[in-house]
PDB file of N, CA and C in Angstrom:
ATOM      1  N   MET A   1       7.615 -30.594 -33.981  1.00  0.00           N
ATOM      2  CA  MET A   1       7.763 -30.088 -32.636  1.00  0.00           C
ATOM      3  C   MET A   1       6.391 -30.074 -31.956  1.00  0.00           C
ATOM      4  N   ARG A   2       6.404 -30.493 -30.704  1.00  0.00           N
ATOM      5  CA  ARG A   2       5.194 -30.442 -29.886  1.00  0.00           C
ATOM      6  C   ARG A   2       5.542 -29.740 -28.571  1.00  0.00           C
ATOM      7  N   ILE A   3       4.614 -28.959 -28.083  1.00  0.00           N
ATOM      8  CA  ILE A   3       4.818 -28.249 -26.830  1.00  0.00           C
ATOM      9  C   ILE A   3       3.844 -28.795 -25.804  1.00  0.00           C
ATOM     10  N   GLU A   4       4.376 -29.037 -24.618  1.00  0.00           N
ATOM     11  CA  GLU A   4       3.538 -29.443 -23.497  1.00  0.00           C
ATOM     12  C   GLU A   4       3.734 -28.449 -22.357  1.00  0.00           C
ATOM     13  N   VAL A   5       2.647 -28.170 -21.653  1.00  0.00           N
ATOM     14  CA  VAL A   5       2.700 -27.306 -20.476  1.00  0.00           C
ATOM     15  C   VAL A   5       2.174 -28.099 -19.291  1.00  0.00           C
ATOM     16  N   ASP A   6       2.950 -28.142 -18.234  1.00  0.00           N
ATOM     17  CA  ASP A   6       2.536 -28.822 -17.010  1.00  0.00           C
ATOM     18  C   ASP A   6       1.672 -27.846 -16.210  1.00  0.00           C
ATOM     19  N   PHE A   7       0.367 -27.975 -16.385  1.00  0.00           N
ATOM     20  CA  PHE A   7      -0.551 -27.056 -15.723  1.00  0.00           C
ATOM     21  C   PHE A   7      -0.627 -27.274 -14.215  1.00  0.00           C
ATOM     22  N   SER A   8      -0.022 -28.348 -13.715  1.00  0.00           N
ATOM     23  CA  SER A   8       0.010 -28.544 -12.269  1.00  0.00           C
ATOM     24  C   SER A   8       1.014 -27.590 -11.608  1.00  0.00           C
ATOM     25  N   ILE A   9       1.948 -27.042 -12.412  1.00  0.00           N
ATOM     26  CA  ILE A   9       2.897 -26.066 -11.866  1.00  0.00           C
ATOM     27  C   ILE A   9       2.824 -24.705 -12.544  1.00  0.00           C
ATOM     28  N   CYS A  10       2.144 -24.610 -13.685  1.00  0.00           N
ATOM     29  CA  CYS A  10       1.993 -23.331 -14.381  1.00  0.00           C
ATOM     30  C   CYS A  10       1.202 -22.376 -13.487  1.00  0.00           C
ATOM     31  N   ALA A  11       1.738 -21.169 -13.320  1.00  0.00           N
ATOM     32  CA  ALA A  11       1.087 -20.173 -12.463  1.00  0.00           C
ATOM     33  C   ALA A  11       0.499 -19.030 -13.284  1.00  0.00           C
ATOM     34  N   ASP A  12       0.381 -19.209 -14.593  1.00  0.00           N
ATOM     35  CA  ASP A  12      -0.212 -18.205 -15.489  1.00  0.00           C
ATOM     36  C   ASP A  12       0.466 -16.847 -15.385  1.00  0.00           C
ATOM     37  N   HIS A  13       1.790 -16.845 -15.233  1.00  0.00           N
ATOM     38  CA  HIS A  13       2.527 -15.582 -15.181  1.00  0.00           C
ATOM     39  C   HIS A  13       2.458 -14.843 -16.514  1.00  0.00           C
ATOM     40  N   GLY A  14       2.424 -15.584 -17.618  1.00  0.00           N
ATOM     41  CA  GLY A  14       2.334 -14.977 -18.938  1.00  0.00           C
ATOM     42  C   GLY A  14       3.668 -14.606 -19.565  1.00  0.00           C
ATOM     43  N   GLN A  15       4.769 -14.973 -18.931  1.00  0.00           N
ATOM     44  CA  GLN A  15       6.074 -14.661 -19.512  1.00  0.00           C
ATOM     45  C   GLN A  15       6.258 -15.348 -20.862  1.00  0.00           C
ATOM     46  N   CYS A  16       5.685 -16.520 -21.018  1.00  0.00           N
ATOM     47  CA  CYS A  16       5.776 -17.234 -22.291  1.00  0.00           C
ATOM     48  C   CYS A  16       5.040 -16.475 -23.397  1.00  0.00           C
ATOM     49  N   ALA A  17       3.919 -15.862 -23.043  1.00  0.00           N
ATOM     50  CA  ALA A  17       3.145 -15.095 -24.024  1.00  0.00           C
ATOM     51  C   ALA A  17       3.899 -13.850 -24.470  1.00  0.00           C
ATOM     52  N   ILE A  18       4.701 -13.299 -23.583  1.00  0.00           N
ATOM     53  CA  ILE A  18       5.534 -12.152 -23.952  1.00  0.00           C
ATOM     54  C   ILE A  18       6.671 -12.613 -24.857  1.00  0.00           C
ATOM     55  N   ALA A  19       7.268 -13.750 -24.533  1.00  0.00           N
ATOM     56  CA  ALA A  19       8.404 -14.269 -25.295  1.00  0.00           C
ATOM     57  C   ALA A  19       7.996 -14.851 -26.647  1.00  0.00           C
ATOM     58  N   ALA A  20       6.809 -15.439 -26.714  1.00  0.00           N
ATOM     59  CA  ALA A  20       6.376 -16.120 -27.944  1.00  0.00           C
ATOM     60  C   ALA A  20       4.879 -15.910 -28.179  1.00  0.00           C
ATOM     61  N   PRO A  21       4.490 -14.696 -28.552  1.00  0.00           N
ATOM     62  CA  PRO A  21       3.057 -14.399 -28.707  1.00  0.00           C
ATOM     63  C   PRO A  21       2.371 -15.147 -29.851  1.00  0.00           C
ATOM     64  N   ASP A  22       3.139 -15.710 -30.775  1.00  0.00           N
ATOM     65  CA  ASP A  22       2.538 -16.501 -31.853  1.00  0.00           C
ATOM     66  C   ASP A  22       2.194 -17.912 -31.395  1.00  0.00           C
ATOM     67  N   ILE A  23       2.656 -18.289 -30.202  1.00  0.00           N
ATOM     68  CA  ILE A  23       2.400 -19.631 -29.677  1.00  0.00           C
ATOM     69  C   ILE A  23       1.536 -19.581 -28.415  1.00  0.00           C
ATOM     70  N   PHE A  24       1.848 -18.648 -27.520  1.00  0.00           N
ATOM     71  CA  PHE A  24       1.187 -18.575 -26.219  1.00  0.00           C
ATOM     72  C   PHE A  24       0.403 -17.275 -26.076  1.00  0.00           C
ATOM     73  N   ARG A  25      -0.696 -17.346 -25.319  1.00  0.00           N
ATOM     74  CA  ARG A  25      -1.433 -16.138 -24.963  1.00  0.00           C
ATOM     75  C   ARG A  25      -2.182 -16.408 -23.665  1.00  0.00           C
ATOM     76  N   VAL A  26      -2.609 -15.342 -23.032  1.00  0.00           N
ATOM     77  CA  VAL A  26      -3.417 -15.440 -21.828  1.00  0.00           C
ATOM     78  C   VAL A  26      -4.832 -15.051 -22.215  1.00  0.00           C
ATOM     79  N   ASP A  27      -5.803 -15.902 -21.893  1.00  0.00           N
ATOM     80  CA  ASP A  27      -7.187 -15.644 -22.287  1.00  0.00           C
ATOM     81  C   ASP A  27      -7.841 -14.605 -21.381  1.00  0.00           C
ATOM     82  N   ASP A  28      -9.098 -14.313 -21.645  1.00  0.00           N
ATOM     83  CA  ASP A  28      -9.824 -13.283 -20.902  1.00  0.00           C
ATOM     84  C   ASP A  28      -9.982 -13.596 -19.424  1.00  0.00           C
ATOM     85  N   GLU A  29      -9.895 -14.867 -19.051  1.00  0.00           N
ATOM     86  CA  GLU A  29      -9.978 -15.260 -17.646  1.00  0.00           C
ATOM     87  C   GLU A  29      -8.605 -15.304 -16.973  1.00  0.00           C
ATOM     88  N   GLY A  30      -7.553 -14.975 -17.741  1.00  0.00           N
ATOM     89  CA  GLY A  30      -6.207 -14.965 -17.181  1.00  0.00           C
ATOM     90  C   GLY A  30      -5.493 -16.300 -17.212  1.00  0.00           C
ATOM     91  N   HIS A  31      -5.997 -17.235 -18.041  1.00  0.00           N
ATOM     92  CA  HIS A  31      -5.389 -18.565 -18.131  1.00  0.00           C
ATOM     93  C   HIS A  31      -4.597 -18.714 -19.425  1.00  0.00           C
ATOM     94  N   LEU A  32      -3.546 -19.472 -19.339  1.00  0.00           N
ATOM     95  CA  LEU A  32      -2.691 -19.712 -20.489  1.00  0.00           C
ATOM     96  C   LEU A  32      -3.378 -20.618 -21.500  1.00  0.00           C
ATOM     97  N   VAL A  33      -3.289 -20.228 -22.762  1.00  0.00           N
ATOM     98  CA  VAL A  33      -3.689 -21.082 -23.885  1.00  0.00           C
ATOM     99  C   VAL A  33      -2.519 -21.063 -24.870  1.00  0.00           C
ATOM    100  N   PHE A  34      -2.363 -22.141 -25.618  1.00  0.00           N
ATOM    101  CA  PHE A  34      -1.205 -22.223 -26.507  1.00  0.00           C
ATOM    102  C   PHE A  34      -1.461 -23.180 -27.660  1.00  0.00           C
ATOM    103  N   ASP A  35      -0.649 -23.037 -28.688  1.00  0.00           N
ATOM    104  CA  ASP A  35      -0.659 -23.917 -29.849  1.00  0.00           C
ATOM    105  C   ASP A  35       0.299 -25.066 -29.540  1.00  0.00           C
ATOM    106  N   ALA A  36      -0.224 -26.241 -29.342  1.00  0.00           N
ATOM    107  CA  ALA A  36       0.595 -27.386 -28.959  1.00  0.00           C
ATOM    108  C   ALA A  36       1.487 -27.890 -30.094  1.00  0.00           C
ATOM    109  N   LYS A  37       1.143 -27.562 -31.337  1.00  0.00           N
ATOM    110  CA  LYS A  37       1.936 -28.010 -32.483  1.00  0.00           C
ATOM    111  C   LYS A  37       2.195 -26.836 -33.423  1.00  0.00           C
ATOM    112  N   PRO A  38       2.998 -25.884 -32.972  1.00  0.00           N
ATOM    113  CA  PRO A  38       3.288 -24.740 -33.836  1.00  0.00           C
ATOM    114  C   PRO A  38       4.223 -25.130 -34.975  1.00  0.00           C
ATOM    115  N   ASP A  39       4.291 -24.274 -35.971  1.00  0.00           N
ATOM    116  CA  ASP A  39       5.206 -24.485 -37.086  1.00  0.00           C
ATOM    117  C   ASP A  39       6.642 -24.538 -36.559  1.00  0.00           C
ATOM    118  N   ASP A  40       7.438 -25.394 -37.169  1.00  0.00           N
ATOM    119  CA  ASP A  40       8.828 -25.560 -36.731  1.00  0.00           C
ATOM    120  C   ASP A  40       9.647 -24.274 -36.827  1.00  0.00           C
ATOM    121  N   THR A  41       9.224 -23.346 -37.675  1.00  0.00           N
ATOM    122  CA  THR A  41       9.956 -22.078 -37.784  1.00  0.00           C
ATOM    123  C   THR A  41       9.852 -21.264 -36.495  1.00  0.00           C
ATOM    124  N   LEU A  42       8.896 -21.610 -35.627  1.00  0.00           N
ATOM    125  CA  LEU A  42       8.721 -20.902 -34.365  1.00  0.00           C
ATOM    126  C   LEU A  42       9.513 -21.532 -33.217  1.00  0.00           C
ATOM    127  N   ARG A  43      10.349 -22.499 -33.528  1.00  0.00           N
ATOM    128  CA  ARG A  43      11.118 -23.174 -32.472  1.00  0.00           C
ATOM    129  C   ARG A  43      11.938 -22.210 -31.618  1.00  0.00           C
ATOM    130  N   PRO A  44      12.664 -21.243 -32.212  1.00  0.00           N
ATOM    131  CA  PRO A  44      13.417 -20.310 -31.358  1.00  0.00           C
ATOM    132  C   PRO A  44      12.515 -19.567 -30.374  1.00  0.00           C
ATOM    133  N   ASP A  45      11.319 -19.195 -30.816  1.00  0.00           N
ATOM    134  CA  ASP A  45      10.369 -18.518 -29.929  1.00  0.00           C
ATOM    135  C   ASP A  45       9.900 -19.465 -28.825  1.00  0.00           C
ATOM    136  N   ALA A  46       9.642 -20.718 -29.180  1.00  0.00           N
ATOM    137  CA  ALA A  46       9.217 -21.704 -28.185  1.00  0.00           C
ATOM    138  C   ALA A  46      10.304 -21.911 -27.141  1.00  0.00           C
ATOM    139  N   GLU A  47      11.554 -21.966 -27.591  1.00  0.00           N
ATOM    140  CA  GLU A  47      12.667 -22.128 -26.655  1.00  0.00           C
ATOM    141  C   GLU A  47      12.799 -20.911 -25.743  1.00  0.00           C
ATOM    142  N   ASP A  48      12.595 -19.717 -26.307  1.00  0.00           N
ATOM    143  CA  ASP A  48      12.631 -18.496 -25.489  1.00  0.00           C
ATOM    144  C   ASP A  48      11.530 -18.531 -24.436  1.00  0.00           C
ATOM    145  N   ALA A  49      10.346 -18.992 -24.832  1.00  0.00           N
ATOM    146  CA  ALA A  49       9.226 -19.074 -23.896  1.00  0.00           C
ATOM    147  C   ALA A  49       9.523 -20.067 -22.776  1.00  0.00           C
ATOM    148  N   ALA A  50      10.079 -21.216 -23.134  1.00  0.00           N
ATOM    149  CA  ALA A  50      10.425 -22.214 -22.117  1.00  0.00           C
ATOM    150  C   ALA A  50      11.460 -21.657 -21.140  1.00  0.00           C
ATOM    151  N   ASP A  51      12.434 -20.936 -21.675  1.00  0.00           N
ATOM    152  CA  ASP A  51      13.458 -20.333 -20.820  1.00  0.00           C
ATOM    153  C   ASP A  51      12.875 -19.244 -19.922  1.00  0.00           C
ATOM    154  N   ALA A  52      11.877 -18.520 -20.414  1.00  0.00           N
ATOM    155  CA  ALA A  52      11.288 -17.404 -19.671  1.00  0.00           C
ATOM    156  C   ALA A  52      10.322 -17.853 -18.579  1.00  0.00           C
ATOM    157  N   CYS A  53       9.861 -19.084 -18.644  1.00  0.00           N
ATOM    158  CA  CYS A  53       8.867 -19.566 -17.682  1.00  0.00           C
ATOM    159  C   CYS A  53       9.471 -19.669 -16.282  1.00  0.00           C
ATOM    160  N   PRO A  54       8.951 -18.887 -15.320  1.00  0.00           N
ATOM    161  CA  PRO A  54       9.491 -18.932 -13.962  1.00  0.00           C
ATOM    162  C   PRO A  54       9.323 -20.301 -13.297  1.00  0.00           C
ATOM    163  N   GLU A  55       8.308 -21.036 -13.699  1.00  0.00           N
ATOM    164  CA  GLU A  55       8.025 -22.348 -13.099  1.00  0.00           C
ATOM    165  C   GLU A  55       8.657 -23.496 -13.877  1.00  0.00           C
ATOM    166  N   GLN A  56       9.247 -23.183 -15.053  1.00  0.00           N
ATOM    167  CA  GLN A  56       9.810 -24.204 -15.935  1.00  0.00           C
ATOM    168  C   GLN A  56       8.769 -25.271 -16.271  1.00  0.00           C
ATOM    169  N   ALA A  57       7.571 -24.811 -16.618  1.00  0.00           N
ATOM    170  CA  ALA A  57       6.441 -25.695 -16.897  1.00  0.00           C
ATOM    171  C   ALA A  57       6.321 -26.093 -18.371  1.00  0.00           C
ATOM    172  N   ILE A  58       7.167 -25.536 -19.232  1.00  0.00           N
ATOM    173  CA  ILE A  58       7.054 -25.765 -20.668  1.00  0.00           C
ATOM    174  C   ILE A  58       8.111 -26.761 -21.124  1.00  0.00           C
ATOM    175  N   THR A  59       7.654 -27.769 -21.879  1.00  0.00           N
ATOM    176  CA  THR A  59       8.547 -28.774 -22.451  1.00  0.00           C
ATOM    177  C   THR A  59       8.358 -28.783 -23.963  1.00  0.00           C
ATOM    178  N   ILE A  60       9.468 -28.811 -24.678  1.00  0.00           N
ATOM    179  CA  ILE A  60       9.441 -28.904 -26.139  1.00  0.00           C
ATOM    180  C   ILE A  60       9.882 -30.303 -26.513  1.00  0.00           C
ATOM    181  N   ILE A  61       9.052 -30.968 -27.322  1.00  0.00           N
ATOM    182  CA  ILE A  61       9.315 -32.353 -27.719  1.00  0.00           C
ATOM    183  C   ILE A  61       9.456 -32.404 -29.227  1.00  0.00           C
ATOM    184  N   ASP A  62      10.508 -33.078 -29.699  1.00  0.00           N
ATOM    185  CA  ASP A  62      10.714 -33.227 -31.143  1.00  0.00           C
ATOM    186  C   ASP A  62       9.872 -34.319 -31.725  1.00  0.00           C
TER     187      ASP A  62
END
């Protein structure tokens, strides 16, 4: 599994970090950082994060 974030539409709301804190977080400057290749066991969390994104900026690729 690979995760991509379209930073051209990501507004750094942080909903993904709430939904999947093992994959996404907001850094000290308020910007999203994430693990682009998390363990496959975290797929449900990644899907929750993608669903929670108000901008729908997260894509999960197999």
